[in-house]
Amino acid sequence: MAKKTQRLKPDIILKNYWRNNERFADLFNAALFEGKQVIRPEELEDADTEESSILENKEYAESLQASRDNLKISKKSTVHGIEFVLLGNESQKHIHYAMPMRIMGYDYGTYKKQYDSNAQKYTKREGLEEDEYLSKMKSTDKFVPVITVVVYYGDKPWNGATTLHQMLNIPEEMKNCVNDYKIPLIEARKNNLVLHNANNRDLFNLLEIILDKSIPKNEAKKKAIQYSEEHKTDKSVVMTIAGATNSRIDYNAFEKGEVSMCTLFDEIAKESEARGEARGEARGEVRGEARGIIETGYDYKIPENDILERLQNKLSIPVEQAKEFLTMYRKGTI
């Protein structure tokens, strides 16, 4: 049976992990309420993640296309009826320096979709005040609030903005006049989340070990494997770590139920070794071609400037590298 080794796409594997209501509720309770059980899994339902909308005014209209990673609606019964809250989750592998604006766009799309749906009730003018008809909304109409939590899986400290104000150059005296937009952001590499779900705890604890640049990779590997063995890490967590770290994984082992942190690290090591061998072979081929071009140039008494130009054009290399090859293989030094 052929070995099926596949790189998991981070966005897909992370969306799938957080689709689980128990994990999703636990994440939001940790991010928003310091672990207090405010959001309950049984109150969650999947919602449409498509947030595309039309931004328009009297003379201009533009389509805005956006799709969230995960969006769930929380339905909580109270003495006054049912309370609704929309909860969005975004997974981020790289630092995005416009993240508050991006999340603001997603949230706007969610509100705009609610507004458009509500406006369908007011297509006829009968029974409406003029302001209600023009607004396509009554003063008593209310929308469902939306909260979006961002989880960052990179190994570098997040140095991007987490508020709209941090993206703006605002005169101090004007700061209170400019509306802000804040995003709850969690760094997987270092956090103080109070988590109750065992899979979530394992996921963040292992990512914190793996993404820690202050310890050698071999030490991190040993710590992660030891942690995984002690806590009997679920294979779904290992799969998610593979996706979050953009690593390959052996699907034959997965199908046999043998996936572990050892399996993952073995695949990472093999992939790294293969990349090194490929780079070495490529460098050897380039050196061989460079030597041939230089020797031919000298044999036909071609000026060195012309040889340099030929090296650059034939090998698609910068002039600095061409000069290194020329020095290495100059007539009399070969």
Protein backbone atom coordinates (compact mmCIF):
# COMPACT_ATOMS: atom_id res chain seq x y z
CA MET A 1 0.00 0.00 0.00
CA ALA A 2 1.42 3.36 -1.03
CA LYS A 3 2.17 5.82 1.70
CA LYS A 4 -0.25 8.73 1.69
CA THR A 5 1.52 11.73 3.09
CA GLN A 6 -0.39 14.96 2.79
CA ARG A 7 0.02 18.55 3.90
CA LEU A 8 -3.06 19.68 5.77
CA LYS A 9 -4.32 23.12 4.82
CA PRO A 10 -4.36 25.19 8.03
CA ASP A 11 -7.63 26.99 7.29
CA ILE A 12 -9.56 23.77 6.59
CA ILE A 13 -8.23 21.70 9.50
CA LEU A 14 -8.70 24.55 11.99
CA LYS A 15 -12.23 25.28 10.78
CA ASN A 16 -13.03 21.61 11.25
CA TYR A 17 -11.55 21.54 14.77
CA TRP A 18 -13.50 24.57 15.98
CA ARG A 19 -16.74 23.34 14.41
CA ASN A 20 -17.17 21.18 17.51
CA ASN A 21 -19.54 22.97 19.92
CA GLU A 22 -17.79 21.85 23.12
CA ARG A 23 -14.41 23.16 21.94
CA PHE A 24 -15.92 26.32 20.48
CA ALA A 25 -17.83 27.23 23.67
CA ASP A 26 -14.76 26.50 25.81
CA LEU A 27 -12.60 28.80 23.64
CA PHE A 28 -15.04 31.70 23.89
CA ASN A 29 -15.54 31.27 27.61
CA ALA A 30 -11.76 31.37 28.07
CA ALA A 31 -11.25 34.34 25.73
CA LEU A 32 -14.16 36.47 26.98
CA PHE A 33 -15.05 35.36 30.51
CA GLU A 34 -11.79 33.97 32.03
CA GLY A 35 -13.14 30.42 31.87
CA LYS A 36 -16.53 31.10 33.46
CA GLN A 37 -19.18 28.89 31.81
CA VAL A 38 -21.30 31.62 30.21
CA ILE A 39 -21.64 30.07 26.74
CA ARG A 40 -22.89 26.49 26.74
CA PRO A 41 -22.36 23.97 23.90
CA GLU A 42 -26.00 22.89 23.82
CA GLU A 43 -27.03 26.50 23.10
CA LEU A 44 -24.89 26.73 19.94
CA GLU A 45 -25.95 26.22 16.33
CA ASP A 46 -23.94 26.67 13.13
CA ALA A 47 -24.67 29.83 11.16
CA ASP A 48 -23.91 30.85 7.57
CA THR A 49 -20.26 31.99 7.38
CA GLU A 50 -20.75 33.91 4.11
CA GLU A 51 -20.66 37.64 4.89
CA SER A 52 -20.66 39.12 1.37
CA SER A 53 -22.67 42.30 1.02
CA ILE A 54 -23.10 45.47 -1.00
CA LEU A 55 -21.68 48.76 0.23
CA GLU A 56 -23.71 51.52 -1.40
CA ASN A 57 -24.65 55.18 -1.35
CA LYS A 58 -26.59 57.39 -3.79
CA GLU A 59 -23.94 57.40 -6.50
CA TYR A 60 -21.80 54.34 -5.79
CA ALA A 61 -22.09 50.66 -4.98
CA GLU A 62 -19.39 48.06 -4.31
CA SER A 63 -19.64 44.37 -3.54
CA LEU A 64 -17.77 43.16 -0.46
CA GLN A 65 -16.88 39.47 -0.45
CA ALA A 66 -15.95 37.82 2.82
CA SER A 67 -16.27 34.42 4.41
CA ARG A 68 -15.61 33.66 8.07
CA ASP A 69 -13.85 30.57 9.39
CA ASN A 70 -16.62 29.67 11.84
CA LEU A 71 -19.83 31.38 12.93
CA LYS A 72 -22.29 30.07 15.50
CA ILE A 73 -25.43 31.50 17.01
CA SER A 74 -25.98 31.18 20.75
CA LYS A 75 -29.62 30.79 21.79
CA LYS A 76 -30.17 31.25 25.49
CA SER A 77 -33.62 31.03 27.11
CA THR A 78 -34.45 33.76 29.66
CA VAL A 79 -37.53 34.85 31.56
CA HIS A 80 -38.10 37.41 28.79
CA GLY A 81 -37.81 34.93 25.89
CA ILE A 82 -34.67 33.93 23.99
CA GLU A 83 -31.43 35.91 23.78
CA PHE A 84 -29.33 35.55 20.63
CA VAL A 85 -25.61 36.25 20.14
CA LEU A 86 -23.52 35.52 17.03
CA LEU A 87 -20.01 34.21 17.76
CA GLY A 88 -17.34 34.25 15.05
CA ASN A 89 -13.93 32.56 15.12
CA GLU A 90 -10.97 33.44 12.87
CA SER A 91 -7.73 31.41 12.72
CA GLN A 92 -4.61 33.31 11.70
CA LYS A 93 -1.24 31.74 10.78
CA HIS A 94 0.57 35.00 9.95
CA ILE A 95 0.49 38.46 11.50
CA HIS A 96 -2.08 40.61 9.72
CA TYR A 97 -1.40 44.30 10.32
CA ALA A 98 -4.91 45.32 9.32
CA MET A 99 -6.69 42.68 11.45
CA PRO A 100 -9.05 45.07 13.31
CA MET A 101 -10.23 46.49 9.98
CA ARG A 102 -10.61 43.00 8.52
CA ILE A 103 -12.71 41.82 11.48
CA MET A 104 -14.70 45.06 11.36
CA GLY A 105 -15.52 44.16 7.75
CA TYR A 106 -16.68 40.67 8.72
CA ASP A 107 -18.84 42.06 11.53
CA TYR A 108 -20.29 44.73 9.25
CA GLY A 109 -21.22 41.99 6.78
CA THR A 110 -23.05 40.11 9.56
CA TYR A 111 -25.02 43.20 10.59
CA LYS A 112 -25.73 44.17 6.97
CA LYS A 113 -27.13 40.71 6.27
CA GLN A 114 -29.45 41.06 9.26
CA TYR A 115 -30.49 44.54 8.12
CA ASP A 116 -31.23 43.37 4.56
CA SER A 117 -33.31 40.48 5.87
CA ASN A 118 -35.22 42.79 8.23
CA ALA A 119 -35.77 45.36 5.45
CA GLN A 120 -37.79 42.82 3.43
CA LYS A 121 -40.68 43.48 5.81
CA TYR A 122 -40.87 47.12 4.73
CA THR A 123 -41.06 47.08 0.94
CA LYS A 124 -44.52 48.69 0.96
CA ARG A 125 -45.18 52.14 2.35
CA GLU A 126 -48.62 51.39 3.81
CA GLY A 127 -48.71 51.58 7.60
CA LEU A 128 -45.20 53.03 7.89
CA GLU A 129 -44.00 56.43 8.97
CA GLU A 130 -41.88 58.20 6.37
CA ASP A 131 -38.68 57.73 8.42
CA GLU A 132 -39.46 54.03 8.89
CA TYR A 133 -40.04 53.52 5.18
CA LEU A 134 -36.85 55.36 4.21
CA SER A 135 -34.81 53.51 6.86
CA LYS A 136 -36.44 50.14 6.05
CA MET A 137 -36.37 49.73 9.79
CA LYS A 138 -38.42 50.68 12.86
CA SER A 139 -37.00 52.07 16.09
CA THR A 140 -38.14 48.89 17.84
CA ASP A 141 -36.20 46.57 15.49
CA LYS A 142 -33.03 45.14 17.02
CA PHE A 143 -30.26 43.00 15.54
CA VAL A 144 -28.30 40.12 17.01
CA PRO A 145 -24.88 41.25 18.34
CA VAL A 146 -21.73 39.62 16.94
CA ILE A 147 -18.44 38.89 18.75
CA THR A 148 -15.38 37.69 16.84
CA VAL A 149 -12.37 36.01 18.48
CA VAL A 150 -9.08 35.68 16.56
CA VAL A 151 -6.63 32.85 17.33
CA TYR A 152 -3.08 33.42 16.07
CA TYR A 153 -0.94 30.31 15.49
CA GLY A 154 2.36 31.91 14.40
CA ASP A 155 5.70 31.47 16.17
CA LYS A 156 6.50 35.20 16.23
CA PRO A 157 5.01 37.48 18.92
CA TRP A 158 1.97 39.32 17.57
CA ASN A 159 3.07 42.91 16.96
CA GLY A 160 0.06 43.93 14.89
CA ALA A 161 -2.87 46.07 15.97
CA THR A 162 -5.73 44.70 18.05
CA THR A 163 -7.74 47.93 17.91
CA LEU A 164 -8.64 50.27 15.07
CA HIS A 165 -7.07 53.17 16.99
CA GLN A 166 -3.69 51.41 16.84
CA MET A 167 -3.93 51.53 13.04
CA LEU A 168 -4.64 55.26 12.94
CA ASN A 169 -2.47 58.33 13.32
CA ILE A 170 -4.84 60.32 15.55
CA PRO A 171 -4.08 63.72 17.09
CA GLU A 172 -4.31 63.28 20.86
CA GLU A 173 -7.06 65.88 21.24
CA MET A 174 -9.17 64.02 18.63
CA LYS A 175 -8.75 60.49 20.03
CA ASN A 176 -11.98 60.51 22.03
CA CYS A 177 -13.89 61.63 18.93
CA VAL A 178 -12.75 58.74 16.72
CA ASN A 179 -14.70 55.51 17.09
CA ASP A 180 -12.53 52.50 17.98
CA TYR A 181 -12.96 48.83 17.10
CA LYS A 182 -11.37 46.19 19.32
CA ILE A 183 -10.75 42.50 18.66
CA PRO A 184 -10.14 39.75 21.24
CA LEU A 185 -6.92 38.07 20.03
CA ILE A 186 -5.33 34.90 21.45
CA GLU A 187 -1.73 33.91 20.77
CA ALA A 188 -1.37 30.12 20.70
CA ARG A 189 2.38 30.46 21.38
CA LYS A 190 1.81 32.11 24.75
CA ASN A 191 -1.45 32.60 26.60
CA ASN A 192 -3.07 32.30 30.01
CA LEU A 193 -6.39 30.82 28.91
CA VAL A 194 -8.52 29.03 31.50
CA LEU A 195 -9.70 26.03 29.47
CA HIS A 196 -11.91 23.17 30.63
CA ASN A 197 -12.07 21.07 27.46
CA ALA A 198 -9.25 18.47 27.49
CA ASN A 199 -8.64 18.69 23.73
CA ASN A 200 -8.34 22.48 23.89
CA ARG A 201 -5.92 22.28 26.79
CA ASP A 202 -3.75 19.77 24.92
CA LEU A 203 -3.89 21.81 21.72
CA PHE A 204 -2.73 25.07 23.29
CA ASN A 205 -0.21 23.43 25.63
CA LEU A 206 1.43 21.54 22.77
CA LEU A 207 1.44 24.56 20.46
CA GLU A 208 3.04 26.62 23.22
CA ILE A 209 5.85 24.02 23.43
CA ILE A 210 6.30 23.65 19.66
CA LEU A 211 6.18 27.39 18.89
CA ASP A 212 8.60 28.35 21.68
CA LYS A 213 11.72 29.69 19.92
CA SER A 214 13.63 30.03 23.19
CA ILE A 215 14.28 26.28 23.44
CA PRO A 216 16.13 24.04 20.93
CA LYS A 217 13.93 22.10 18.50
CA ASN A 218 15.08 18.71 19.82
CA GLU A 219 14.16 19.73 23.36
CA ALA A 220 10.78 21.02 22.19
CA LYS A 221 10.21 17.72 20.38
CA LYS A 222 10.98 15.68 23.51
CA LYS A 223 8.75 17.87 25.68
CA ALA A 224 5.86 17.69 23.19
CA ILE A 225 6.11 13.91 22.82
CA GLN A 226 6.34 13.42 26.59
CA TYR A 227 3.33 15.69 27.15
CA SER A 228 1.33 13.91 24.44
CA GLU A 229 2.09 10.45 25.87
CA GLU A 230 1.24 11.50 29.44
CA HIS A 231 -2.05 13.11 28.42
CA LYS A 232 -2.96 10.56 25.71
CA THR A 233 -3.55 13.35 23.18
CA ASP A 234 -6.49 12.75 20.86
CA LYS A 235 -5.57 12.25 17.19
CA SER A 236 -7.84 15.18 16.22
CA VAL A 237 -5.51 17.45 18.24
CA VAL A 238 -2.43 16.04 16.49
CA MET A 239 -4.16 16.60 13.13
CA THR A 240 -4.94 20.19 14.10
CA ILE A 241 -1.35 20.83 15.19
CA ALA A 242 -0.18 19.44 11.84
CA GLY A 243 -2.51 21.87 10.08
CA ALA A 244 -1.63 24.83 12.29
CA THR A 245 2.11 24.26 11.79
CA ASN A 246 1.64 23.54 8.05
CA SER A 247 3.23 20.08 8.37
CA ARG A 248 2.75 16.83 6.48
CA ILE A 249 1.29 13.74 8.13
CA ASP A 250 1.21 10.02 7.26
CA TYR A 251 -2.40 9.08 6.50
CA ASN A 252 -1.67 5.34 6.55
CA ALA A 253 -0.74 5.72 10.22
CA PHE A 254 -3.83 7.84 10.77
CA GLU A 255 -6.15 5.23 9.29
CA LYS A 256 -4.58 2.58 11.55
CA GLY A 257 -5.13 4.79 14.59
CA GLU A 258 -1.38 5.18 15.10
CA VAL A 259 -1.12 8.96 14.79
CA SER A 260 0.80 10.53 17.66
CA MET A 261 3.17 13.43 18.24
CA CYS A 262 6.00 10.98 17.40
CA THR A 263 4.39 10.35 14.00
CA LEU A 264 4.04 14.06 13.36
CA PHE A 265 7.63 14.87 14.35
CA ASP A 266 8.93 11.98 12.23
CA GLU A 267 7.12 13.42 9.21
CA ILE A 268 8.41 16.93 9.95
CA ALA A 269 11.98 15.56 10.16
CA LYS A 270 11.63 13.59 6.91
CA GLU A 271 10.20 16.59 5.13
CA SER A 272 12.99 18.84 6.39
CA GLU A 273 15.61 16.28 5.29
CA ALA A 274 14.01 15.97 1.84
CA ARG A 275 13.97 19.75 1.44
CA GLY A 276 17.66 19.88 2.40
CA GLU A 277 18.57 17.17 -0.10
CA ALA A 278 16.59 18.90 -2.85
CA ARG A 279 18.29 22.21 -2.12
CA GLY A 280 21.69 20.49 -2.15
CA GLU A 281 21.01 18.82 -5.48
CA ALA A 282 19.78 22.08 -6.96
CA ARG A 283 22.87 23.95 -5.73
CA GLY A 284 25.10 21.24 -7.23
CA GLU A 285 23.38 21.52 -10.60
CA VAL A 286 23.72 25.30 -10.63
CA ARG A 287 27.41 25.11 -9.70
CA GLY A 288 28.01 22.62 -12.51
CA GLU A 289 26.29 24.84 -15.07
CA ALA A 290 28.16 27.90 -13.82
CA ARG A 291 31.51 26.14 -14.12
CA GLY A 292 30.72 25.10 -17.72
CA ILE A 293 29.72 28.64 -18.72
CA ILE A 294 32.87 30.13 -17.16
CA GLU A 295 35.27 27.56 -18.66
CA THR A 296 33.72 28.03 -22.11
CA GLY A 297 33.94 31.80 -21.75
CA TYR A 298 37.64 31.66 -20.95
CA ASP A 299 38.32 29.15 -23.74
CA TYR A 300 36.80 31.55 -26.26
CA LYS A 301 38.44 34.59 -24.61
CA ILE A 302 35.09 36.20 -23.75
CA PRO A 303 35.44 39.29 -21.49
CA GLU A 304 34.62 38.66 -17.82
CA ASN A 305 31.81 41.24 -17.85
CA ASP A 306 30.16 39.28 -20.66
CA ILE A 307 30.63 36.01 -18.73
CA LEU A 308 28.98 37.61 -15.69
CA GLU A 309 26.03 38.72 -17.79
CA ARG A 310 25.73 35.25 -19.32
CA LEU A 311 25.75 33.65 -15.84
CA GLN A 312 22.96 35.94 -14.69
CA ASN A 313 20.81 35.35 -17.75
CA LYS A 314 21.34 31.60 -18.07
CA LEU A 315 21.06 30.71 -14.38
CA SER A 316 18.66 33.48 -13.27
CA ILE A 317 20.97 34.48 -10.43
CA PRO A 318 21.91 37.91 -9.01
CA VAL A 319 25.18 39.59 -9.99
CA GLU A 320 26.70 38.94 -6.53
CA GLN A 321 26.28 35.18 -6.93
CA ALA A 322 27.61 35.34 -10.51
CA LYS A 323 30.75 37.10 -9.21
CA GLU A 324 31.19 34.38 -6.56
CA PHE A 325 31.05 31.68 -9.24
CA LEU A 326 33.50 33.63 -11.41
CA THR A 327 35.95 33.90 -8.52
CA MET A 328 35.50 30.22 -7.70
CA TYR A 329 36.04 28.95 -11.26
CA ARG A 330 38.31 31.67 -12.72
CA LYS A 331 40.98 30.29 -15.08
CA GLY A 332 44.00 29.24 -13.05
CA THR A 333 41.98 28.51 -9.88
CA ILE A 334 39.92 25.61 -11.18
